[in-house]
Amino acid sequence: MKILVRKGRVIDPARNFDEICDVAIAAGRVIGVRHIPEGFAPNRVIDAHGCIVAPGLVDLAVRLREPGHEHEGMLESEMAAAVAGGVTSLVCPPDTDPVLDEPGLVEMLKFRAEKLHQARVFPLGALTRNLAGEVLTEMAELTESGCVGFSQAEVPLANTQVLLRALQYASTFGYAVWLRPQELHLGRGVAASGPLATRLGLSGVPVAAETIALHTIFELMRSTGARVHLCRISSAAGVALVRQAKQEGLQVTCDVSINSLHLTDTDIGYFDSRMRLTPPLRQQRDRDALREGLADGTIDALVSDHTPVDEDAKTLPFAEAEPGATGLELLLSLALKWGQESGVGLARALAVLTCEPARVLGPALGTLQASAGQLVDGGVADVCIFDPHAHWTVTPDSLRSQGRNTPFSGYEIPGVVRATIVGGQLAYESKPAA
């Protein structure tokens, strides 16, 4: 398909490009930004006047819920939610049922996702068999089947010897290990330790659960030279440790959830189970440090931490409710909201959703690496077109995800996606309100 996107404000943070111009797409590639090839005859013209034309969003934390949890989400519903949110590439963790620890399971997931012709799916393989933390998986075979890294998802690795061996092996072959820093025994609470958790009688998760894990990871990185991506940093102390590690030269990147970037423990209110999240919401000083870290580049990427949860699992007492929230369709809007409130500007708000997460994936993107998260001549045609001036109200009915629970229900937020193009094909299009 040949597509001409006309008169939009094209923003490509990777090369500091910001200009009102046309974009031509053919054969799955961008063939012209500003300079349209002579004789180009599009099959489809998209009027982007008043809209932003940006690279497709790259989300590093998305649970698709298949296989094994189809009552909470299915590939069809969650992929539809992705493109409706402008997300063209996503990374899914291995904590499915069965766990993604065998090449055949990974290949099946990728095959089913590709048949939908929507967002690109990049699976993480399990670091240990069945995420049990005892025996390492066959990382080479999983990489060949399409895994972009290896993770324990939300299951802490209690055995430091196993983690050391995993990092040694990954370092030898150039694989990335994705870890959520949480000490096993300290991380068993349901809310962040502090006055609010004490007042509500909720078991607390201290900041030390994160910092102890970070100290361990960094020590092992120093001895192995491994490349590690830290998933969903949640505390001011954690941000400070990551900043020091980067200054030291360790190969570390990290991300933060939209939930931690905008909410604090006080939003739990009177046991609001929509705020039952992992990692738990912390105090305002932590949220402020996360915002600053994302602005200055200490934190590389902003993620939706999309975790659709069945309604029945949320209508339980707070401590018993299943943690998680839908986020794919909120990612862009909440990034724009952060950009406006923090004064970092539109380019940085888009960078943490496009070129920066693509850089985290790096060589794992294969042939997409050279142009992922960018809008460049000859690059892959993954494009998000959105109206930054339009606002929408988050309601369960406004979401395409099978999981309708979100802590942002009732919020009015900026940014409405008008069209999403994946590999040169129009994967989603909405009509402006009359």
Protein backbone atom coordinates (compact mmCIF):
# COMPACT_ATOMS: atom_id res chain seq x y z
CA MET A 1 0.00 0.00 0.00
CA LYS A 2 1.16 3.52 -0.80
CA ILE A 3 0.20 6.09 1.83
CA LEU A 4 0.71 9.85 1.87
CA VAL A 5 0.46 11.55 5.25
CA ARG A 6 -0.16 15.21 4.49
CA LYS A 7 0.63 18.41 6.38
CA GLY A 8 1.27 16.91 9.82
CA ARG A 9 3.83 18.13 12.32
CA VAL A 10 6.48 15.44 11.95
CA ILE A 11 8.51 14.90 15.13
CA ASP A 12 11.39 12.44 15.17
CA PRO A 13 13.17 12.80 18.53
CA ALA A 14 16.04 10.53 17.44
CA ARG A 15 17.33 13.16 15.00
CA ASN A 16 15.79 16.31 16.51
CA PHE A 17 13.48 16.68 13.51
CA ASP A 18 10.39 18.85 14.02
CA GLU A 19 8.71 20.24 10.92
CA ILE A 20 5.30 20.46 9.24
CA CYS A 21 5.65 18.38 6.10
CA ASP A 22 4.44 15.32 4.19
CA VAL A 23 5.48 11.69 4.69
CA ALA A 24 5.34 9.14 1.86
CA ILE A 25 5.13 5.41 2.54
CA ALA A 26 5.41 2.50 0.11
CA ALA A 27 6.27 -1.21 0.36
CA GLY A 28 6.40 -1.02 4.14
CA ARG A 29 9.04 1.70 4.17
CA VAL A 30 9.20 5.45 4.55
CA ILE A 31 10.32 6.67 1.13
CA GLY A 32 10.12 10.40 1.79
CA VAL A 33 10.00 12.78 4.73
CA ARG A 34 9.52 16.35 3.49
CA HIS A 35 10.79 15.44 0.00
CA ILE A 36 8.17 13.29 -1.74
CA PRO A 37 9.45 11.27 -4.73
CA GLU A 38 8.35 12.61 -8.08
CA GLY A 39 5.39 10.73 -9.52
CA PHE A 40 4.42 9.19 -6.19
CA ALA A 41 0.79 8.05 -6.51
CA PRO A 42 -0.68 7.06 -3.14
CA ASN A 43 -3.52 4.60 -2.66
CA ARG A 44 -4.48 6.43 0.50
CA VAL A 45 -4.05 10.03 1.68
CA ILE A 46 -4.27 10.81 5.40
CA ASP A 47 -4.87 14.44 6.27
CA ALA A 48 -2.75 15.06 9.38
CA HIS A 49 -3.36 18.80 9.62
CA GLY A 50 -3.20 19.81 13.30
CA CYS A 51 -1.80 16.41 14.27
CA ILE A 52 1.59 15.07 15.29
CA VAL A 53 3.18 12.46 13.04
CA ALA A 54 5.61 10.46 15.17
CA PRO A 55 7.39 7.12 15.05
CA GLY A 56 5.26 4.23 16.29
CA LEU A 57 5.46 3.75 20.05
CA VAL A 58 7.62 0.99 21.53
CA ASP A 59 6.27 -0.43 24.82
CA LEU A 60 8.69 -2.57 26.84
CA ALA A 61 6.16 -4.06 29.30
CA VAL A 62 2.94 -5.60 27.95
CA ARG A 63 1.18 -8.73 29.16
CA LEU A 64 -0.94 -10.16 26.35
CA ARG A 65 -2.35 -12.84 28.69
CA GLU A 66 -2.02 -15.61 26.09
CA PRO A 67 -1.45 -18.44 26.53
CA GLY A 68 -3.11 -19.45 29.79
CA HIS A 69 -5.00 -16.38 30.97
CA GLU A 70 -7.51 -15.87 28.18
CA HIS A 71 -10.22 -14.92 30.68
CA GLU A 72 -8.20 -11.74 31.36
CA GLY A 73 -7.05 -10.93 27.85
CA MET A 74 -6.65 -12.41 24.39
CA LEU A 75 -4.23 -11.59 21.62
CA GLU A 76 -7.01 -10.11 19.50
CA SER A 77 -8.21 -7.69 22.19
CA GLU A 78 -4.79 -6.66 23.49
CA MET A 79 -3.26 -6.17 20.04
CA ALA A 80 -6.26 -4.05 19.08
CA ALA A 81 -5.65 -2.00 22.23
CA ALA A 82 -2.00 -1.60 21.27
CA VAL A 83 -2.59 -0.08 17.85
CA ALA A 84 -5.45 2.04 19.22
CA GLY A 85 -2.85 3.50 21.58
CA GLY A 86 -0.31 4.11 18.82
CA VAL A 87 1.91 1.22 19.95
CA THR A 88 3.52 -0.53 16.99
CA SER A 89 6.07 -2.69 18.85
CA LEU A 90 5.76 -4.32 22.26
CA VAL A 91 7.74 -6.60 24.54
CA CYS A 92 5.88 -9.30 26.48
CA PRO A 93 7.24 -11.05 29.59
CA PRO A 94 7.48 -14.85 29.85
CA ASP A 95 5.04 -15.41 32.74
CA THR A 96 2.33 -17.00 30.62
CA ASP A 97 0.87 -20.45 31.27
CA PRO A 98 2.81 -22.41 30.17
CA VAL A 99 5.86 -20.23 30.74
CA LEU A 100 7.81 -19.12 27.66
CA ASP A 101 10.75 -21.45 28.33
CA GLU A 102 10.54 -23.58 25.18
CA PRO A 103 11.21 -22.45 21.57
CA GLY A 104 7.95 -23.95 20.34
CA LEU A 105 5.88 -21.80 22.69
CA VAL A 106 7.68 -18.65 21.59
CA GLU A 107 7.27 -19.50 17.91
CA MET A 108 3.56 -20.19 18.39
CA LEU A 109 3.03 -16.84 20.14
CA LYS A 110 4.88 -14.94 17.42
CA PHE A 111 3.02 -16.79 14.66
CA ARG A 112 -0.38 -16.01 16.16
CA ALA A 113 0.56 -12.36 16.70
CA GLU A 114 1.86 -11.96 13.14
CA LYS A 115 -1.39 -13.36 11.70
CA LEU A 116 -3.27 -10.43 13.26
CA HIS A 117 -1.21 -7.91 11.23
CA GLN A 118 -1.17 -5.38 14.05
CA ALA A 119 1.64 -4.52 16.46
CA ARG A 120 4.99 -6.31 16.38
CA VAL A 121 5.53 -8.66 19.33
CA PHE A 122 8.97 -9.22 20.87
CA PRO A 123 8.82 -11.95 23.54
CA LEU A 124 11.14 -12.28 26.52
CA GLY A 125 12.18 -15.83 27.25
CA ALA A 126 12.20 -17.26 30.75
CA LEU A 127 15.58 -16.95 32.45
CA THR A 128 15.03 -20.20 34.35
CA ARG A 129 12.84 -23.19 33.55
CA ASN A 130 9.26 -22.54 34.58
CA LEU A 131 10.59 -19.39 36.31
CA ALA A 132 11.46 -21.67 39.23
CA GLY A 133 14.87 -20.07 39.72
CA GLU A 134 16.82 -23.33 39.64
CA VAL A 135 17.87 -24.38 36.12
CA LEU A 136 18.77 -21.98 33.30
CA THR A 137 16.80 -22.21 30.07
CA GLU A 138 18.37 -22.88 26.67
CA MET A 139 18.99 -19.22 25.89
CA ALA A 140 20.53 -19.87 22.47
CA GLU A 141 17.50 -21.84 21.25
CA LEU A 142 15.08 -19.29 22.67
CA THR A 143 16.97 -16.48 20.96
CA GLU A 144 16.76 -18.31 17.63
CA SER A 145 13.00 -18.68 18.12
CA GLY A 146 12.61 -14.90 18.54
CA CYS A 147 13.28 -13.93 22.17
CA VAL A 148 14.86 -10.50 22.62
CA GLY A 149 16.08 -11.10 26.17
CA PHE A 150 15.55 -13.20 29.28
CA SER A 151 13.52 -12.43 32.38
CA GLN A 152 12.04 -13.80 35.59
CA ALA A 153 9.03 -11.47 35.11
CA GLU A 154 7.66 -10.80 38.62
CA VAL A 155 9.29 -13.87 40.19
CA PRO A 156 12.33 -12.84 42.27
CA LEU A 157 15.42 -15.00 41.80
CA ALA A 158 16.28 -16.08 45.34
CA ASN A 159 19.44 -18.00 44.44
CA THR A 160 22.23 -15.52 43.78
CA GLN A 161 24.44 -18.30 42.42
CA VAL A 162 21.87 -19.01 39.69
CA LEU A 163 21.67 -15.30 38.85
CA LEU A 164 25.48 -15.12 38.62
CA ARG A 165 25.58 -18.04 36.21
CA ALA A 166 22.76 -16.54 34.15
CA LEU A 167 24.60 -13.24 33.83
CA GLN A 168 27.86 -15.00 32.98
CA TYR A 169 26.19 -17.00 30.22
CA ALA A 170 24.26 -13.99 28.89
CA SER A 171 27.42 -11.87 28.86
CA THR A 172 29.35 -14.54 26.94
CA PHE A 173 26.82 -14.62 24.11
CA GLY A 174 25.66 -11.00 24.19
CA TYR A 175 22.15 -11.60 25.52
CA ALA A 176 20.28 -9.05 27.63
CA VAL A 177 18.81 -9.97 31.01
CA TRP A 178 15.67 -8.13 32.12
CA LEU A 179 15.17 -8.00 35.88
CA ARG A 180 12.69 -6.35 38.18
CA PRO A 181 14.73 -5.47 41.27
CA GLN A 182 12.92 -6.90 44.26
CA GLU A 183 14.34 -8.88 47.19
CA LEU A 184 12.24 -12.01 47.66
CA HIS A 185 11.40 -11.81 51.35
CA LEU A 186 11.02 -8.04 51.72
CA GLY A 187 8.84 -7.76 48.64
CA ARG A 188 5.89 -9.81 49.84
CA GLY A 189 3.69 -6.90 50.96
CA VAL A 190 0.80 -5.33 49.11
CA ALA A 191 1.52 -1.60 49.56
CA ALA A 192 4.58 0.60 49.93
CA SER A 193 5.83 0.81 53.50
CA GLY A 194 4.90 4.11 55.09
CA PRO A 195 2.32 5.92 57.20
CA LEU A 196 -0.54 5.12 54.84
CA ALA A 197 0.12 1.37 54.78
CA THR A 198 0.42 1.40 58.56
CA ARG A 199 -2.83 3.32 58.97
CA LEU A 200 -4.72 0.97 56.63
CA GLY A 201 -3.18 -2.12 58.17
CA LEU A 202 -1.66 -3.26 54.88
CA SER A 203 1.57 -5.26 54.74
CA GLY A 204 4.36 -3.04 53.47
CA VAL A 205 7.12 -3.33 50.87
CA PRO A 206 10.09 -1.21 52.00
CA VAL A 207 12.33 0.68 49.59
CA ALA A 208 15.09 -1.67 50.76
CA ALA A 209 13.38 -4.47 48.80
CA GLU A 210 14.38 -2.59 45.65
CA THR A 211 17.76 -1.22 46.72
CA ILE A 212 19.10 -4.51 48.12
CA ALA A 213 18.23 -6.20 44.82
CA LEU A 214 19.89 -3.37 42.88
CA HIS A 215 23.11 -3.63 44.90
CA THR A 216 23.21 -7.37 44.20
CA ILE A 217 22.55 -6.93 40.48
CA PHE A 218 25.19 -4.23 40.10
CA GLU A 219 27.82 -6.28 41.95
CA LEU A 220 27.18 -9.21 39.65
CA MET A 221 27.26 -6.95 36.60
CA ARG A 222 30.68 -5.68 37.65
CA SER A 223 32.04 -9.21 37.78
CA THR A 224 30.37 -10.52 34.62
CA GLY A 225 30.13 -7.51 32.27
CA ALA A 226 26.51 -8.48 31.54
CA ARG A 227 23.94 -6.16 29.99
CA VAL A 228 20.87 -5.72 32.22
CA HIS A 229 17.60 -3.89 31.75
CA LEU A 230 15.86 -3.00 35.01
CA CYS A 231 12.09 -3.19 34.83
CA ARG A 232 9.86 -0.62 36.57
CA ILE A 233 12.08 1.25 39.00
CA SER A 234 9.82 2.64 41.73
CA SER A 235 11.82 4.61 44.33
CA ALA A 236 13.98 7.70 44.68
CA ALA A 237 16.76 5.58 46.18
CA GLY A 238 16.53 3.21 43.22
CA VAL A 239 16.86 6.08 40.75
CA ALA A 240 19.96 7.33 42.59
CA LEU A 241 21.59 3.88 42.43
CA VAL A 242 20.87 3.55 38.71
CA ARG A 243 22.33 7.01 38.11
CA GLN A 244 25.53 5.98 39.91
CA ALA A 245 25.72 2.72 37.97
CA LYS A 246 25.42 4.53 34.65
CA GLN A 247 28.09 7.03 35.66
CA GLU A 248 30.32 4.07 36.54
CA GLY A 249 29.84 2.72 33.03
CA LEU A 250 27.79 -0.40 33.71
CA GLN A 251 25.68 -1.63 30.79
CA VAL A 252 22.38 -0.87 32.48
CA THR A 253 19.11 0.58 31.23
CA CYS A 254 15.80 0.91 33.04
CA ASP A 255 12.16 1.86 32.67
CA VAL A 256 9.34 3.24 34.80
CA SER A 257 5.62 2.51 34.73
CA ILE A 258 3.01 5.14 33.89
CA ASN A 259 1.41 4.24 37.22
CA SER A 260 4.47 5.11 39.31
CA LEU A 261 5.06 8.26 37.25
CA HIS A 262 1.65 9.77 38.04
CA LEU A 263 0.30 8.18 41.22
CA THR A 264 1.34 7.89 44.87
CA ASP A 265 0.29 5.70 47.78
CA THR A 266 -2.27 8.28 48.89
CA ASP A 267 -4.26 7.43 45.74
CA ILE A 268 -5.13 4.10 47.37
CA GLY A 269 -7.69 6.12 49.32
CA TYR A 270 -10.09 3.83 51.11
CA PHE A 271 -8.72 0.47 49.87
CA ASP A 272 -9.27 1.20 46.15
CA SER A 273 -8.27 -2.10 44.54
CA ARG A 274 -7.64 -0.37 41.21
CA MET A 275 -4.49 0.94 42.91
CA ARG A 276 -3.31 -2.59 43.74
CA LEU A 277 -0.26 -2.57 41.51
CA THR A 278 3.19 -4.11 41.18
CA PRO A 279 5.48 -2.41 42.07
CA PRO A 280 3.36 -0.71 44.75
CA LEU A 281 2.71 3.02 44.57
CA ARG A 282 5.21 4.91 46.71
CA GLN A 283 5.39 8.36 48.29
CA GLN A 284 5.43 11.70 46.49
CA ARG A 285 9.20 12.11 46.89
CA ASP A 286 9.64 8.85 44.99
CA ARG A 287 7.27 9.93 42.23
CA ASP A 288 9.11 13.26 41.91
CA ALA A 289 12.46 11.47 41.66
CA LEU A 290 11.08 9.13 38.99
CA ARG A 291 9.87 12.10 36.97
CA GLU A 292 13.24 13.80 37.27
CA GLY A 293 15.06 10.59 36.35
CA LEU A 294 12.95 10.15 33.22
CA ALA A 295 13.57 13.75 32.25
CA ASP A 296 17.35 13.65 32.63
CA GLY A 297 17.84 10.25 30.97
CA THR A 298 18.65 8.20 34.06
CA ILE A 299 15.47 6.28 33.27
CA ASP A 300 15.46 5.32 29.62
CA ALA A 301 11.86 4.45 28.83
CA LEU A 302 8.28 4.89 29.97
CA VAL A 303 6.15 1.73 29.85
CA SER A 304 2.46 0.97 30.18
CA ASP A 305 3.03 -2.10 32.39
CA HIS A 306 -0.14 -3.33 30.70
CA THR A 307 -1.61 -6.12 32.84
CA PRO A 308 -5.30 -6.78 32.08
CA VAL A 309 -7.07 -8.20 35.11
CA ASP A 310 -10.44 -9.94 35.28
CA GLU A 311 -13.17 -7.90 36.95
CA ASP A 312 -13.79 -10.57 39.58
CA ALA A 313 -10.13 -10.49 40.60
CA LYS A 314 -10.38 -6.76 41.32
CA THR A 315 -13.62 -6.82 43.29
CA LEU A 316 -11.88 -8.37 46.28
CA PRO A 317 -10.45 -6.77 49.44
CA PHE A 318 -7.35 -4.72 48.56
CA ALA A 319 -4.81 -7.22 49.91
CA GLU A 320 -6.49 -10.10 48.06
CA ALA A 321 -7.11 -8.33 44.75
CA GLU A 322 -4.94 -9.31 41.80
CA PRO A 323 -2.33 -6.62 41.07
CA GLY A 324 -2.29 -5.00 37.65
CA ALA A 325 -4.03 -2.51 35.38
CA THR A 326 -4.63 -1.92 31.71
CA GLY A 327 -2.33 0.69 30.19
CA LEU A 328 -1.66 0.29 26.47
CA GLU A 329 -4.23 2.87 25.40
CA LEU A 330 -3.14 5.30 28.13
CA LEU A 331 0.61 5.26 27.47
CA LEU A 332 0.80 8.09 24.94
CA SER A 333 -1.65 10.34 26.76
CA LEU A 334 0.05 9.92 30.14
CA ALA A 335 3.44 10.59 28.56
CA LEU A 336 2.05 13.83 27.10
CA LYS A 337 0.57 14.71 30.50
CA TRP A 338 3.96 14.16 32.14
CA GLY A 339 5.66 16.23 29.44
CA GLN A 340 3.30 19.14 30.01
CA GLU A 341 3.48 19.02 33.80
CA SER A 342 7.26 18.58 33.93
CA GLY A 343 8.04 21.10 31.20
CA VAL A 344 10.37 18.68 29.38
CA GLY A 345 8.73 19.34 26.03
CA LEU A 346 7.03 17.20 23.42
CA ALA A 347 10.22 15.79 21.93
CA ARG A 348 11.39 14.24 25.23
CA ALA A 349 7.90 12.93 26.00
CA LEU A 350 7.95 11.13 22.65
CA ALA A 351 11.58 10.02 22.93
CA VAL A 352 10.89 7.88 26.01
CA LEU A 353 8.19 6.08 23.97
CA THR A 354 10.05 5.69 20.67
CA CYS A 355 13.80 5.93 20.07
CA GLU A 356 14.85 5.34 23.69
CA PRO A 357 13.02 2.01 24.20
CA ALA A 358 14.15 0.99 20.70
CA ARG A 359 17.73 1.66 21.83
CA VAL A 360 17.14 -0.58 24.85
CA LEU A 361 16.19 -3.43 22.51
CA GLY A 362 19.16 -2.68 20.26
CA PRO A 363 20.52 -5.67 18.30
CA ALA A 364 17.54 -7.81 19.33
CA LEU A 365 15.46 -5.89 16.78
CA GLY A 366 17.41 -7.50 13.95
CA THR A 367 16.71 -5.88 10.59
CA LEU A 368 14.52 -3.26 12.28
CA GLN A 369 17.36 -1.97 14.47
CA ALA A 370 18.61 0.75 12.13
CA SER A 371 15.30 2.62 11.97
CA ALA A 372 13.17 1.41 14.89
CA GLY A 373 11.64 4.28 16.85
CA GLN A 374 12.50 6.73 14.08
CA LEU A 375 10.99 8.32 10.98
CA VAL A 376 13.73 8.31 8.36
CA ASP A 377 13.94 7.79 4.61
CA GLY A 378 14.25 4.08 3.95
CA GLY A 379 13.24 3.17 7.48
CA VAL A 380 10.45 0.85 8.52
CA ALA A 381 7.04 2.55 8.23
CA ASP A 382 5.79 2.32 11.82
CA VAL A 383 3.92 5.57 12.44
CA CYS A 384 1.63 7.05 15.09
CA ILE A 385 -0.56 10.01 14.12
CA PHE A 386 -2.27 11.76 17.03
CA ASP A 387 -4.03 14.99 17.90
CA PRO A 388 -2.19 16.54 20.88
CA HIS A 389 -4.92 19.12 21.47
CA ALA A 390 -7.82 16.67 21.76
CA HIS A 391 -8.67 15.26 25.17
CA TRP A 392 -10.53 12.12 26.15
CA THR A 393 -12.01 10.75 29.36
CA VAL A 394 -10.86 7.33 30.52
CA THR A 395 -13.85 5.05 31.06
CA PRO A 396 -14.18 1.25 30.84
CA ASP A 397 -16.24 1.62 27.67
CA SER A 398 -13.51 3.70 26.01
CA LEU A 399 -10.96 0.87 26.25
CA ARG A 400 -10.47 -1.92 23.73
CA SER A 401 -8.46 -4.08 26.09
CA GLN A 402 -10.33 -7.00 27.61
CA GLY A 403 -9.13 -5.72 30.99
CA ARG A 404 -11.08 -2.58 31.86
CA ASN A 405 -9.50 -1.86 35.26
CA THR A 406 -7.31 1.23 35.44
CA PRO A 407 -6.36 3.59 38.27
CA PHE A 408 -6.92 6.46 35.83
CA SER A 409 -10.62 5.83 35.34
CA GLY A 410 -12.40 9.19 35.16
CA TYR A 411 -9.24 11.14 34.23
CA GLU A 412 -9.40 13.55 31.31
CA ILE A 413 -6.09 13.24 29.48
CA PRO A 414 -4.55 14.76 26.33
CA GLY A 415 -3.75 13.10 23.05
CA VAL A 416 -6.09 11.13 20.80
CA VAL A 417 -4.60 8.66 18.31
CA ARG A 418 -6.02 9.25 14.84
CA ALA A 419 -4.14 6.54 12.94
CA THR A 420 -1.51 3.87 13.48
CA ILE A 421 0.55 2.47 10.62
CA VAL A 422 2.52 -0.76 11.12
CA GLY A 423 4.90 -1.91 8.42
CA GLY A 424 3.27 0.40 5.90
CA GLN A 425 -0.24 -0.92 6.56
CA LEU A 426 -3.00 1.06 8.23
CA ALA A 427 -3.61 -0.92 11.43
CA TYR A 428 -5.92 1.55 13.16
CA GLU A 429 -7.84 4.70 12.28
CA SER A 430 -10.30 6.79 14.25
CA LYS A 431 -12.50 9.62 13.10
CA PRO A 432 -12.38 13.05 14.74
CA ALA A 433 -15.43 13.84 16.83
CA ALA A 434 -18.06 15.78 14.94
